Amino acid sequence: MIETPHITAANELKTDEEIRKVMASKEPVIVYQDRMRLRPPLPIIAYNDDMVKIADGTTFLRSVTHFYTLSDEEKAKYNISEPKA
């Protein structure tokens, strides 16, 4: 079995594999376009080659937005506990 690297806090999600891991763990992500945060931290519920959909139903183009996992400080700020394995 091939081991895959664990997603750590405050990583940018660029590949489908990274998005699948975060989606499976239901970990909230922060969405940015340029330097502006677009939504509060929410889990990803669907994605394809061009778009990503978050839990509130908002769809973002992958080519112009950036998706980040939360750092430990941000999790404390938003009162988000660690996802259970």
N, C-alpha and C. Protein backbone atom coordinates (compact mmCIF):
# COMPACT_ATOMS: atom_id res chain seq x y z
N MET A 1 0.83 -1.17 0.00
CA MET A 1 0.00 0.00 0.00
C MET A 1 0.88 1.24 0.00
N ILE A 2 0.54 2.22 -0.82
CA ILE A 2 1.31 3.45 -0.93
C ILE A 2 0.80 4.44 0.11
N GLU A 3 1.74 4.98 0.90
CA GLU A 3 1.36 5.99 1.88
C GLU A 3 1.32 7.35 1.21
N THR A 4 0.30 8.13 1.56
CA THR A 4 0.18 9.47 1.01
C THR A 4 0.50 10.47 2.11
N PRO A 5 1.08 11.61 1.74
CA PRO A 5 1.43 12.60 2.76
C PRO A 5 0.18 13.18 3.42
N HIS A 6 0.29 13.48 4.70
CA HIS A 6 -0.81 14.05 5.46
C HIS A 6 -0.92 15.54 5.18
N ILE A 7 -2.13 16.03 5.04
CA ILE A 7 -2.34 17.46 4.86
C ILE A 7 -2.10 18.17 6.19
N THR A 8 -1.24 19.16 6.21
CA THR A 8 -0.98 19.90 7.43
C THR A 8 -1.70 21.24 7.38
N ALA A 9 -1.78 21.89 8.50
CA ALA A 9 -2.50 23.15 8.60
C ALA A 9 -1.88 24.21 7.70
N ALA A 10 -2.73 25.07 7.17
CA ALA A 10 -2.35 26.22 6.37
C ALA A 10 -1.69 25.85 5.04
N ASN A 11 -2.03 24.70 4.48
CA ASN A 11 -1.53 24.31 3.16
C ASN A 11 -2.49 24.78 2.08
N GLU A 12 -1.94 25.15 0.95
CA GLU A 12 -2.78 25.45 -0.20
C GLU A 12 -3.14 24.13 -0.88
N LEU A 13 -4.39 23.97 -1.23
CA LEU A 13 -4.86 22.77 -1.90
C LEU A 13 -4.78 23.00 -3.41
N LYS A 14 -3.88 22.27 -4.06
CA LYS A 14 -3.67 22.47 -5.49
C LYS A 14 -4.08 21.25 -6.31
N THR A 15 -3.87 20.06 -5.77
CA THR A 15 -4.12 18.85 -6.55
C THR A 15 -5.46 18.22 -6.17
N ASP A 16 -5.95 17.38 -7.06
CA ASP A 16 -7.19 16.65 -6.78
C ASP A 16 -7.03 15.77 -5.55
N GLU A 17 -5.86 15.17 -5.39
CA GLU A 17 -5.61 14.29 -4.24
C GLU A 17 -5.72 15.06 -2.93
N GLU A 18 -5.16 16.26 -2.87
CA GLU A 18 -5.25 17.08 -1.67
C GLU A 18 -6.70 17.46 -1.37
N ILE A 19 -7.44 17.83 -2.41
CA ILE A 19 -8.85 18.19 -2.23
C ILE A 19 -9.65 16.98 -1.76
N ARG A 20 -9.39 15.80 -2.32
CA ARG A 20 -10.11 14.59 -1.90
C ARG A 20 -9.87 14.29 -0.42
N LYS A 21 -8.63 14.42 0.04
CA LYS A 21 -8.31 14.15 1.44
C LYS A 21 -9.05 15.09 2.38
N VAL A 22 -9.02 16.37 2.05
CA VAL A 22 -9.69 17.36 2.90
C VAL A 22 -11.20 17.16 2.84
N MET A 23 -11.71 16.83 1.67
CA MET A 23 -13.14 16.58 1.51
C MET A 23 -13.58 15.37 2.33
N ALA A 24 -12.78 14.31 2.33
CA ALA A 24 -13.11 13.09 3.08
C ALA A 24 -13.11 13.34 4.59
N SER A 25 -12.21 14.20 5.05
CA SER A 25 -12.14 14.48 6.49
C SER A 25 -13.10 15.60 6.91
N LYS A 26 -13.78 16.21 5.93
CA LYS A 26 -14.73 17.31 6.17
C LYS A 26 -14.08 18.47 6.91
N GLU A 27 -12.80 18.66 6.62
CA GLU A 27 -12.07 19.78 7.23
C GLU A 27 -12.44 21.08 6.52
N PRO A 28 -12.74 22.12 7.28
CA PRO A 28 -13.07 23.41 6.65
C PRO A 28 -11.87 24.01 5.93
N VAL A 29 -12.14 24.73 4.88
CA VAL A 29 -11.09 25.42 4.13
C VAL A 29 -11.46 26.89 4.01
N ILE A 30 -10.43 27.71 3.81
CA ILE A 30 -10.64 29.13 3.57
C ILE A 30 -10.40 29.37 2.08
N VAL A 31 -11.29 30.15 1.47
CA VAL A 31 -11.21 30.42 0.03
C VAL A 31 -10.79 31.87 -0.18
N TYR A 32 -9.73 32.05 -0.99
CA TYR A 32 -9.23 33.38 -1.31
C TYR A 32 -9.22 33.61 -2.81
N GLN A 33 -9.50 34.86 -3.20
CA GLN A 33 -9.27 35.31 -4.57
C GLN A 33 -8.42 36.56 -4.45
N ASP A 34 -7.30 36.57 -5.11
CA ASP A 34 -6.26 37.57 -4.88
C ASP A 34 -5.89 37.49 -3.39
N ARG A 35 -6.08 38.55 -2.63
CA ARG A 35 -5.80 38.49 -1.19
C ARG A 35 -7.06 38.64 -0.36
N MET A 36 -8.22 38.48 -0.98
CA MET A 36 -9.48 38.67 -0.29
C MET A 36 -10.12 37.33 0.05
N ARG A 37 -10.46 37.15 1.32
CA ARG A 37 -11.15 35.92 1.73
C ARG A 37 -12.60 36.05 1.30
N LEU A 38 -13.12 35.02 0.63
CA LEU A 38 -14.45 35.09 0.05
C LEU A 38 -15.56 34.55 0.94
N ARG A 39 -15.29 33.56 1.76
CA ARG A 39 -16.31 32.94 2.60
C ARG A 39 -15.69 32.54 3.94
N PRO A 40 -16.54 32.33 4.96
CA PRO A 40 -16.00 31.78 6.20
C PRO A 40 -15.53 30.34 5.97
N PRO A 41 -14.74 29.79 6.87
CA PRO A 41 -14.24 28.42 6.68
C PRO A 41 -15.38 27.41 6.61
N LEU A 42 -15.43 26.66 5.52
CA LEU A 42 -16.45 25.63 5.31
C LEU A 42 -15.82 24.44 4.60
N PRO A 43 -16.37 23.23 4.79
CA PRO A 43 -15.84 22.06 4.09
C PRO A 43 -16.19 22.08 2.59
N ILE A 44 -15.38 21.41 1.82
CA ILE A 44 -15.63 21.21 0.39
C ILE A 44 -16.60 20.03 0.26
N ILE A 45 -17.64 20.20 -0.56
CA ILE A 45 -18.60 19.10 -0.73
C ILE A 45 -18.52 18.47 -2.12
N ALA A 46 -17.95 19.18 -3.10
CA ALA A 46 -17.82 18.63 -4.45
C ALA A 46 -16.75 19.40 -5.21
N TYR A 47 -16.19 18.74 -6.23
CA TYR A 47 -15.20 19.40 -7.07
C TYR A 47 -15.12 18.68 -8.40
N ASN A 48 -14.58 19.37 -9.40
CA ASN A 48 -14.21 18.74 -10.67
C ASN A 48 -12.97 19.48 -11.19
N ASP A 49 -12.62 19.28 -12.43
CA ASP A 49 -11.40 19.89 -12.96
C ASP A 49 -11.45 21.41 -12.95
N ASP A 50 -12.64 21.99 -13.05
CA ASP A 50 -12.77 23.44 -13.18
C ASP A 50 -13.30 24.15 -11.96
N MET A 51 -14.08 23.46 -11.13
CA MET A 51 -14.78 24.13 -10.03
C MET A 51 -14.67 23.37 -8.72
N VAL A 52 -14.90 24.11 -7.62
CA VAL A 52 -14.98 23.54 -6.28
C VAL A 52 -16.23 24.12 -5.63
N LYS A 53 -17.01 23.26 -4.98
CA LYS A 53 -18.24 23.68 -4.30
C LYS A 53 -18.05 23.47 -2.80
N ILE A 54 -18.38 24.52 -2.00
CA ILE A 54 -18.26 24.40 -0.56
C ILE A 54 -19.64 24.20 0.06
N ALA A 55 -19.68 23.96 1.37
CA ALA A 55 -20.88 23.52 2.06
C ALA A 55 -22.06 24.48 1.97
N ASP A 56 -21.84 25.76 1.77
CA ASP A 56 -22.98 26.68 1.66
C ASP A 56 -23.55 26.73 0.25
N GLY A 57 -23.01 25.92 -0.66
CA GLY A 57 -23.52 25.84 -2.03
C GLY A 57 -22.80 26.75 -3.01
N THR A 58 -21.87 27.55 -2.54
CA THR A 58 -21.13 28.46 -3.41
C THR A 58 -20.12 27.67 -4.24
N THR A 59 -20.04 27.99 -5.52
CA THR A 59 -19.12 27.33 -6.45
C THR A 59 -18.04 28.32 -6.86
N PHE A 60 -16.79 27.86 -6.85
CA PHE A 60 -15.65 28.70 -7.20
C PHE A 60 -14.88 28.08 -8.35
N LEU A 61 -14.35 28.92 -9.24
CA LEU A 61 -13.45 28.45 -10.30
C LEU A 61 -12.09 28.16 -9.69
N ARG A 62 -11.55 27.00 -9.99
CA ARG A 62 -10.25 26.62 -9.45
C ARG A 62 -9.12 27.46 -10.03
N SER A 63 -9.31 27.99 -11.23
CA SER A 63 -8.24 28.73 -11.88
C SER A 63 -7.99 30.11 -11.28
N VAL A 64 -8.97 30.69 -10.57
CA VAL A 64 -8.80 32.04 -10.05
C VAL A 64 -8.92 32.13 -8.53
N THR A 65 -9.21 31.03 -7.86
CA THR A 65 -9.31 31.04 -6.41
C THR A 65 -8.30 30.07 -5.80
N HIS A 66 -7.99 30.30 -4.54
CA HIS A 66 -7.04 29.47 -3.82
C HIS A 66 -7.73 28.94 -2.58
N PHE A 67 -7.47 27.69 -2.25
CA PHE A 67 -8.11 27.01 -1.13
C PHE A 67 -7.03 26.60 -0.14
N TYR A 68 -7.23 26.95 1.13
CA TYR A 68 -6.24 26.68 2.17
C TYR A 68 -6.89 25.95 3.34
N THR A 69 -6.16 25.02 3.92
CA THR A 69 -6.59 24.44 5.18
C THR A 69 -6.30 25.47 6.28
N LEU A 70 -6.91 25.30 7.43
CA LEU A 70 -6.74 26.25 8.52
C LEU A 70 -5.52 25.91 9.36
N SER A 71 -4.85 26.94 9.83
CA SER A 71 -3.75 26.74 10.78
C SER A 71 -4.36 26.50 12.16
N ASP A 72 -3.54 26.09 13.10
CA ASP A 72 -4.03 25.86 14.46
C ASP A 72 -4.59 27.14 15.07
N GLU A 73 -3.97 28.26 14.80
CA GLU A 73 -4.46 29.54 15.32
C GLU A 73 -5.83 29.88 14.74
N GLU A 74 -6.00 29.63 13.43
CA GLU A 74 -7.29 29.91 12.80
C GLU A 74 -8.38 28.97 13.31
N LYS A 75 -8.03 27.71 13.57
CA LYS A 75 -9.00 26.78 14.14
C LYS A 75 -9.47 27.26 15.50
N ALA A 76 -8.54 27.77 16.31
CA ALA A 76 -8.91 28.31 17.62
C ALA A 76 -9.78 29.56 17.47
N LYS A 77 -9.42 30.40 16.52
CA LYS A 77 -10.17 31.64 16.27
C LYS A 77 -11.61 31.35 15.86
N TYR A 78 -11.80 30.36 15.01
CA TYR A 78 -13.15 30.01 14.53
C TYR A 78 -13.81 28.92 15.38
N ASN A 79 -13.14 28.50 16.46
CA ASN A 79 -13.66 27.49 17.38
C ASN A 79 -13.99 26.19 16.65
N ILE A 80 -13.03 25.72 15.85
CA ILE A 80 -13.18 24.49 15.09
C ILE A 80 -12.28 23.43 15.70
N SER A 81 -12.86 22.30 16.06
CA SER A 81 -12.05 21.22 16.66
C SER A 81 -11.40 20.39 15.56
N GLU A 82 -10.42 19.60 15.94
CA GLU A 82 -9.72 18.71 15.00
C GLU A 82 -10.70 17.67 14.46
N PRO A 83 -10.67 17.37 13.15
CA PRO A 83 -11.53 16.30 12.63
C PRO A 83 -11.13 14.96 13.22
N LYS A 84 -12.12 14.13 13.48
CA LYS A 84 -11.84 12.80 14.05
C LYS A 84 -11.46 11.84 12.95
N ALA A 85 -10.44 11.05 13.20
CA ALA A 85 -9.93 10.11 12.20
C ALA A 85 -10.78 8.87 12.13
